[in-house]
Amino acid sequence: MSIEIESYKLGDIRVVVTETDNPQRVNIHCSDGEYQHEFTARVYEYENYRRLMNQRIVERFGAAGNPGN
């Protein structure tokens, strides 16, 4: 099982960051109860571009809830 690094909420979206087998990457799992998305990112990107990553997560979940947009 992966070791959890951090978990937090972006509104209704729960974000869980865990370690991967590669020490230079992290796994990011996002869920709002209805939709789920999981992706990996470099540790550097996670540490230095977290605000942009969070903005994109919120945008994508908003688009998933409104498929006409």
PDB file of N, CA and C in Angstrom:
ATOM      1  N   MET A   1       0.839  -1.187   0.000  1.00  0.00           N
ATOM      2  CA  MET A   1       0.000   0.000   0.000  1.00  0.00           C
ATOM      3  C   MET A   1       0.879   1.243   0.000  1.00  0.00           C
ATOM      4  N   SER A   2       0.446   2.266  -0.701  1.00  0.00           N
ATOM      5  CA  SER A   2       1.189   3.509  -0.793  1.00  0.00           C
ATOM      6  C   SER A   2       1.077   4.310   0.491  1.00  0.00           C
ATOM      7  N   ILE A   3       2.139   5.001   0.809  1.00  0.00           N
ATOM      8  CA  ILE A   3       2.151   5.847   2.000  1.00  0.00           C
ATOM      9  C   ILE A   3       1.575   7.210   1.637  1.00  0.00           C
ATOM     10  N   GLU A   4       0.602   7.653   2.418  1.00  0.00           N
ATOM     11  CA  GLU A   4      -0.030   8.946   2.171  1.00  0.00           C
ATOM     12  C   GLU A   4       0.913  10.067   2.589  1.00  0.00           C
ATOM     13  N   ILE A   5       1.115  11.014   1.688  1.00  0.00           N
ATOM     14  CA  ILE A   5       1.947  12.177   1.961  1.00  0.00           C
ATOM     15  C   ILE A   5       1.090  13.300   2.518  1.00  0.00           C
ATOM     16  N   GLU A   6      -0.078  13.482   1.896  1.00  0.00           N
ATOM     17  CA  GLU A   6      -0.948  14.596   2.274  1.00  0.00           C
ATOM     18  C   GLU A   6      -2.348  14.333   1.746  1.00  0.00           C
ATOM     19  N   SER A   7      -3.343  14.875   2.429  1.00  0.00           N
ATOM     20  CA  SER A   7      -4.710  14.877   1.907  1.00  0.00           C
ATOM     21  C   SER A   7      -5.344  16.204   2.284  1.00  0.00           C
ATOM     22  N   TYR A   8      -6.185  16.700   1.382  1.00  0.00           N
ATOM     23  CA  TYR A   8      -6.851  17.977   1.610  1.00  0.00           C
ATOM     24  C   TYR A   8      -8.094  18.047   0.745  1.00  0.00           C
ATOM     25  N   LYS A   9      -8.901  19.072   0.960  1.00  0.00           N
ATOM     26  CA  LYS A   9     -10.140  19.249   0.203  1.00  0.00           C
ATOM     27  C   LYS A   9     -10.063  20.537  -0.604  1.00  0.00           C
ATOM     28  N   LEU A  10     -10.619  20.466  -1.807  1.00  0.00           N
ATOM     29  CA  LEU A  10     -10.815  21.631  -2.673  1.00  0.00           C
ATOM     30  C   LEU A  10     -12.316  21.755  -2.867  1.00  0.00           C
ATOM     31  N   GLY A  11     -12.986  22.410  -1.951  1.00  0.00           N
ATOM     32  CA  GLY A  11     -14.444  22.445  -1.989  1.00  0.00           C
ATOM     33  C   GLY A  11     -14.975  21.059  -1.700  1.00  0.00           C
ATOM     34  N   ASP A  12     -15.722  20.478  -2.646  1.00  0.00           N
ATOM     35  CA  ASP A  12     -16.261  19.124  -2.487  1.00  0.00           C
ATOM     36  C   ASP A  12     -15.279  18.042  -2.930  1.00  0.00           C
ATOM     37  N   ILE A  13     -14.157  18.433  -3.495  1.00  0.00           N
ATOM     38  CA  ILE A  13     -13.202  17.476  -4.050  1.00  0.00           C
ATOM     39  C   ILE A  13     -12.160  17.113  -2.993  1.00  0.00           C
ATOM     40  N   ARG A  14     -12.019  15.820  -2.750  1.00  0.00           N
ATOM     41  CA  ARG A  14     -10.995  15.342  -1.814  1.00  0.00           C
ATOM     42  C   ARG A  14      -9.776  14.919  -2.626  1.00  0.00           C
ATOM     43  N   VAL A  15      -8.610  15.427  -2.246  1.00  0.00           N
ATOM     44  CA  VAL A  15      -7.357  15.135  -2.927  1.00  0.00           C
ATOM     45  C   VAL A  15      -6.451  14.371  -1.968  1.00  0.00           C
ATOM     46  N   VAL A  16      -5.934  13.239  -2.425  1.00  0.00           N
ATOM     47  CA  VAL A  16      -5.014  12.437  -1.617  1.00  0.00           C
ATOM     48  C   VAL A  16      -3.732  12.245  -2.424  1.00  0.00           C
ATOM     49  N   VAL A  17      -2.607  12.615  -1.828  1.00  0.00           N
ATOM     50  CA  VAL A  17      -1.302  12.491  -2.471  1.00  0.00           C
ATOM     51  C   VAL A  17      -0.550  11.353  -1.791  1.00  0.00           C
ATOM     52  N   THR A  18      -0.087  10.391  -2.591  1.00  0.00           N
ATOM     53  CA  THR A  18       0.637   9.239  -2.046  1.00  0.00           C
ATOM     54  C   THR A  18       1.949   9.033  -2.794  1.00  0.00           C
ATOM     55  N   GLU A  19       2.837   8.275  -2.161  1.00  0.00           N
ATOM     56  CA  GLU A  19       4.105   7.927  -2.786  1.00  0.00           C
ATOM     57  C   GLU A  19       3.876   6.906  -3.896  1.00  0.00           C
ATOM     58  N   THR A  20       4.816   6.842  -4.825  1.00  0.00           N
ATOM     59  CA  THR A  20       4.818   5.809  -5.861  1.00  0.00           C
ATOM     60  C   THR A  20       6.101   4.992  -5.719  1.00  0.00           C
ATOM     61  N   ASP A  21       6.259   3.995  -6.570  1.00  0.00           N
ATOM     62  CA  ASP A  21       7.499   3.211  -6.572  1.00  0.00           C
ATOM     63  C   ASP A  21       8.687   4.055  -7.016  1.00  0.00           C
ATOM     64  N   ASN A  22       8.418   5.066  -7.809  1.00  0.00           N
ATOM     65  CA  ASN A  22       9.456   5.979  -8.282  1.00  0.00           C
ATOM     66  C   ASN A  22       9.572   7.132  -7.283  1.00  0.00           C
ATOM     67  N   PRO A  23      10.731   7.322  -6.648  1.00  0.00           N
ATOM     68  CA  PRO A  23      10.859   8.383  -5.635  1.00  0.00           C
ATOM     69  C   PRO A  23      10.739   9.799  -6.196  1.00  0.00           C
ATOM     70  N   GLN A  24      10.779   9.949  -7.518  1.00  0.00           N
ATOM     71  CA  GLN A  24      10.673  11.272  -8.125  1.00  0.00           C
ATOM     72  C   GLN A  24       9.247  11.616  -8.548  1.00  0.00           C
ATOM     73  N   ARG A  25       8.294  10.719  -8.259  1.00  0.00           N
ATOM     74  CA  ARG A  25       6.905  10.949  -8.660  1.00  0.00           C
ATOM     75  C   ARG A  25       5.964  10.706  -7.495  1.00  0.00           C
ATOM     76  N   VAL A  26       4.799  11.359  -7.537  1.00  0.00           N
ATOM     77  CA  VAL A  26       3.737  11.144  -6.553  1.00  0.00           C
ATOM     78  C   VAL A  26       2.454  10.806  -7.302  1.00  0.00           C
ATOM     79  N   ASN A  27       1.570  10.085  -6.648  1.00  0.00           N
ATOM     80  CA  ASN A  27       0.268   9.740  -7.200  1.00  0.00           C
ATOM     81  C   ASN A  27      -0.768  10.674  -6.579  1.00  0.00           C
ATOM     82  N   ILE A  28      -1.634  11.237  -7.390  1.00  0.00           N
ATOM     83  CA  ILE A  28      -2.648  12.171  -6.913  1.00  0.00           C
ATOM     84  C   ILE A  28      -4.014  11.614  -7.276  1.00  0.00           C
ATOM     85  N   HIS A  29      -4.820  11.346  -6.253  1.00  0.00           N
ATOM     86  CA  HIS A  29      -6.156  10.781  -6.426  1.00  0.00           C
ATOM     87  C   HIS A  29      -7.173  11.842  -6.008  1.00  0.00           C
ATOM     88  N   CYS A  30      -8.117  12.137  -6.894  1.00  0.00           N
ATOM     89  CA  CYS A  30      -9.135  13.160  -6.646  1.00  0.00           C
ATOM     90  C   CYS A  30     -10.516  12.518  -6.753  1.00  0.00           C
ATOM     91  N   SER A  31     -11.415  12.896  -5.844  1.00  0.00           N
ATOM     92  CA  SER A  31     -12.767  12.348  -5.871  1.00  0.00           C
ATOM     93  C   SER A  31     -13.735  13.348  -5.251  1.00  0.00           C
ATOM     94  N   ASP A  32     -14.910  13.462  -5.877  1.00  0.00           N
ATOM     95  CA  ASP A  32     -15.952  14.320  -5.300  1.00  0.00           C
ATOM     96  C   ASP A  32     -17.175  13.500  -4.899  1.00  0.00           C
ATOM     97  N   GLY A  33     -17.022  12.177  -4.832  1.00  0.00           N
ATOM     98  CA  GLY A  33     -18.132  11.299  -4.485  1.00  0.00           C
ATOM     99  C   GLY A  33     -18.813  10.735  -5.712  1.00  0.00           C
ATOM    100  N   GLU A  34     -18.836  11.488  -6.791  1.00  0.00           N
ATOM    101  CA  GLU A  34     -19.445  11.026  -8.038  1.00  0.00           C
ATOM    102  C   GLU A  34     -18.379  10.695  -9.077  1.00  0.00           C
ATOM    103  N   TYR A  35     -17.419  11.593  -9.237  1.00  0.00           N
ATOM    104  CA  TYR A  35     -16.347  11.411 -10.209  1.00  0.00           C
ATOM    105  C   TYR A  35     -15.035  11.157  -9.474  1.00  0.00           C
ATOM    106  N   GLN A  36     -14.144  10.397 -10.127  1.00  0.00           N
ATOM    107  CA  GLN A  36     -12.816  10.144  -9.593  1.00  0.00           C
ATOM    108  C   GLN A  36     -11.805  10.343 -10.704  1.00  0.00           C
ATOM    109  N   HIS A  37     -10.632  10.806 -10.322  1.00  0.00           N
ATOM    110  CA  HIS A  37      -9.548  10.957 -11.285  1.00  0.00           C
ATOM    111  C   HIS A  37      -8.243  10.706 -10.547  1.00  0.00           C
ATOM    112  N   GLU A  38      -7.325  10.031 -11.211  1.00  0.00           N
ATOM    113  CA  GLU A  38      -6.036   9.718 -10.608  1.00  0.00           C
ATOM    114  C   GLU A  38      -4.947   9.971 -11.638  1.00  0.00           C
ATOM    115  N   PHE A  39      -3.849  10.587 -11.206  1.00  0.00           N
ATOM    116  CA  PHE A  39      -2.735  10.844 -12.104  1.00  0.00           C
ATOM    117  C   PHE A  39      -1.450  10.912 -11.297  1.00  0.00           C
ATOM    118  N   THR A  40      -0.322  10.862 -11.999  1.00  0.00           N
ATOM    119  CA  THR A  40       0.966  11.009 -11.339  1.00  0.00           C
ATOM    120  C   THR A  40       1.583  12.333 -11.753  1.00  0.00           C
ATOM    121  N   ALA A  41       2.435  12.847 -10.897  1.00  0.00           N
ATOM    122  CA  ALA A  41       3.142  14.093 -11.175  1.00  0.00           C
ATOM    123  C   ALA A  41       4.540  13.982 -10.586  1.00  0.00           C
ATOM    124  N   ARG A  42       5.443  14.735 -11.130  1.00  0.00           N
ATOM    125  CA  ARG A  42       6.786  14.783 -10.550  1.00  0.00           C
ATOM    126  C   ARG A  42       6.713  15.497  -9.209  1.00  0.00           C
ATOM    127  N   VAL A  43       7.575  15.100  -8.302  1.00  0.00           N
ATOM    128  CA  VAL A  43       7.618  15.732  -6.981  1.00  0.00           C
ATOM    129  C   VAL A  43       7.880  17.228  -7.137  1.00  0.00           C
ATOM    130  N   TYR A  44       8.771  17.597  -8.063  1.00  0.00           N
ATOM    131  CA  TYR A  44       9.067  19.009  -8.309  1.00  0.00           C
ATOM    132  C   TYR A  44       7.805  19.763  -8.713  1.00  0.00           C
ATOM    133  N   GLU A  45       7.025  19.201  -9.625  1.00  0.00           N
ATOM    134  CA  GLU A  45       5.782  19.848 -10.067  1.00  0.00           C
ATOM    135  C   GLU A  45       4.798  19.967  -8.917  1.00  0.00           C
ATOM    136  N   TYR A  46       4.675  18.910  -8.136  1.00  0.00           N
ATOM    137  CA  TYR A  46       3.755  18.918  -6.994  1.00  0.00           C
ATOM    138  C   TYR A  46       4.150  20.003  -5.994  1.00  0.00           C
ATOM    139  N   GLU A  47       5.435  20.129  -5.709  1.00  0.00           N
ATOM    140  CA  GLU A  47       5.890  21.100  -4.714  1.00  0.00           C
ATOM    141  C   GLU A  47       5.858  22.536  -5.229  1.00  0.00           C
ATOM    142  N   ASN A  48       6.140  22.748  -6.514  1.00  0.00           N
ATOM    143  CA  ASN A  48       6.293  24.105  -7.032  1.00  0.00           C
ATOM    144  C   ASN A  48       5.122  24.623  -7.857  1.00  0.00           C
ATOM    145  N   TYR A  49       4.260  23.731  -8.331  1.00  0.00           N
ATOM    146  CA  TYR A  49       3.130  24.154  -9.158  1.00  0.00           C
ATOM    147  C   TYR A  49       1.805  23.671  -8.583  1.00  0.00           C
ATOM    148  N   ARG A  50       1.758  23.523  -7.283  1.00  0.00           N
ATOM    149  CA  ARG A  50       0.568  22.986  -6.623  1.00  0.00           C
ATOM    150  C   ARG A  50      -0.664  23.860  -6.863  1.00  0.00           C
ATOM    151  N   ARG A  51      -0.502  25.155  -6.822  1.00  0.00           N
ATOM    152  CA  ARG A  51      -1.646  26.056  -7.026  1.00  0.00           C
ATOM    153  C   ARG A  51      -2.252  25.856  -8.418  1.00  0.00           C
ATOM    154  N   LEU A  52      -1.421  25.766  -9.429  1.00  0.00           N
ATOM    155  CA  LEU A  52      -1.899  25.536 -10.796  1.00  0.00           C
ATOM    156  C   LEU A  52      -2.553  24.158 -10.905  1.00  0.00           C
ATOM    157  N   MET A  53      -1.936  23.152 -10.290  1.00  0.00           N
ATOM    158  CA  MET A  53      -2.503  21.803 -10.297  1.00  0.00           C
ATOM    159  C   MET A  53      -3.895  21.810  -9.668  1.00  0.00           C
ATOM    160  N   ASN A  54      -4.046  22.468  -8.522  1.00  0.00           N
ATOM    161  CA  ASN A  54      -5.341  22.532  -7.849  1.00  0.00           C
ATOM    162  C   ASN A  54      -6.375  23.255  -8.705  1.00  0.00           C
ATOM    163  N   GLN A  55      -5.968  24.318  -9.376  1.00  0.00           N
ATOM    164  CA  GLN A  55      -6.875  25.059 -10.254  1.00  0.00           C
ATOM    165  C   GLN A  55      -7.367  24.152 -11.386  1.00  0.00           C
ATOM    166  N   ARG A  56      -6.471  23.378 -11.973  1.00  0.00           N
ATOM    167  CA  ARG A  56      -6.850  22.476 -13.062  1.00  0.00           C
ATOM    168  C   ARG A  56      -7.767  21.362 -12.572  1.00  0.00           C
ATOM    169  N   ILE A  57      -7.518  20.854 -11.365  1.00  0.00           N
ATOM    170  CA  ILE A  57      -8.380  19.810 -10.796  1.00  0.00           C
ATOM    171  C   ILE A  57      -9.800  20.340 -10.657  1.00  0.00           C
ATOM    172  N   VAL A  58      -9.956  21.528 -10.093  1.00  0.00           N
ATOM    173  CA  VAL A  58     -11.283  22.123  -9.894  1.00  0.00           C
ATOM    174  C   VAL A  58     -11.962  22.363 -11.240  1.00  0.00           C
ATOM    175  N   GLU A  59     -11.221  22.870 -12.230  1.00  0.00           N
ATOM    176  CA  GLU A  59     -11.792  23.111 -13.560  1.00  0.00           C
ATOM    177  C   GLU A  59     -12.280  21.811 -14.196  1.00  0.00           C
ATOM    178  N   ARG A  60     -11.489  20.763 -14.115  1.00  0.00           N
ATOM    179  CA  ARG A  60     -11.851  19.492 -14.747  1.00  0.00           C
ATOM    180  C   ARG A  60     -13.057  18.856 -14.076  1.00  0.00           C
ATOM    181  N   PHE A  61     -13.131  18.939 -12.756  1.00  0.00           N
ATOM    182  CA  PHE A  61     -14.292  18.375 -12.071  1.00  0.00           C
ATOM    183  C   PHE A  61     -15.532  19.202 -12.380  1.00  0.00           C
ATOM    184  N   GLY A  62     -15.382  20.510 -12.539  1.00  0.00           N
ATOM    185  CA  GLY A  62     -16.514  21.349 -12.930  1.00  0.00           C
ATOM    186  C   GLY A  62     -17.001  20.994 -14.321  1.00  0.00           C
ATOM    187  N   ALA A  63     -16.066  20.735 -15.243  1.00  0.00           N
ATOM    188  CA  ALA A  63     -16.431  20.354 -16.606  1.00  0.00           C
ATOM    189  C   ALA A  63     -17.079  18.970 -16.629  1.00  0.00           C
ATOM    190  N   ALA A  64     -16.642  18.073 -15.760  1.00  0.00           N
ATOM    191  CA  ALA A  64     -17.230  16.726 -15.707  1.00  0.00           C
ATOM    192  C   ALA A  64     -18.680  16.791 -15.251  1.00  0.00           C
ATOM    193  N   GLY A  65     -18.987  17.739 -14.383  1.00  0.00           N
ATOM    194  CA  GLY A  65     -20.356  17.889 -13.901  1.00  0.00           C
ATOM    195  C   GLY A  65     -21.251  18.630 -14.870  1.00  0.00           C
ATOM    196  N   ASN A  66     -20.642  19.326 -15.851  1.00  0.00           N
ATOM    197  CA  ASN A  66     -21.385  20.082 -16.858  1.00  0.00           C
ATOM    198  C   ASN A  66     -20.892  19.684 -18.242  1.00  0.00           C
ATOM    199  N   PRO A  67     -21.265  18.515 -18.754  1.00  0.00           N
ATOM    200  CA  PRO A  67     -20.720  18.031 -20.019  1.00  0.00           C
ATOM    201  C   PRO A  67     -21.047  18.903 -21.225  1.00  0.00           C
ATOM    202  N   GLY A  68     -21.993  19.789 -21.142  1.00  0.00           N
ATOM    203  CA  GLY A  68     -22.325  20.664 -22.259  1.00  0.00           C
ATOM    204  C   GLY A  68     -21.336  21.793 -22.446  1.00  0.00           C
ATOM    205  N   ASN A  69     -20.460  22.015 -21.492  1.00  0.00           N
ATOM    206  CA  ASN A  69     -19.478  23.114 -21.578  1.00  0.00           C
ATOM    207  C   ASN A  69     -18.218  22.677 -22.255  1.00  0.00           C
TER     208      ASN A  69
END
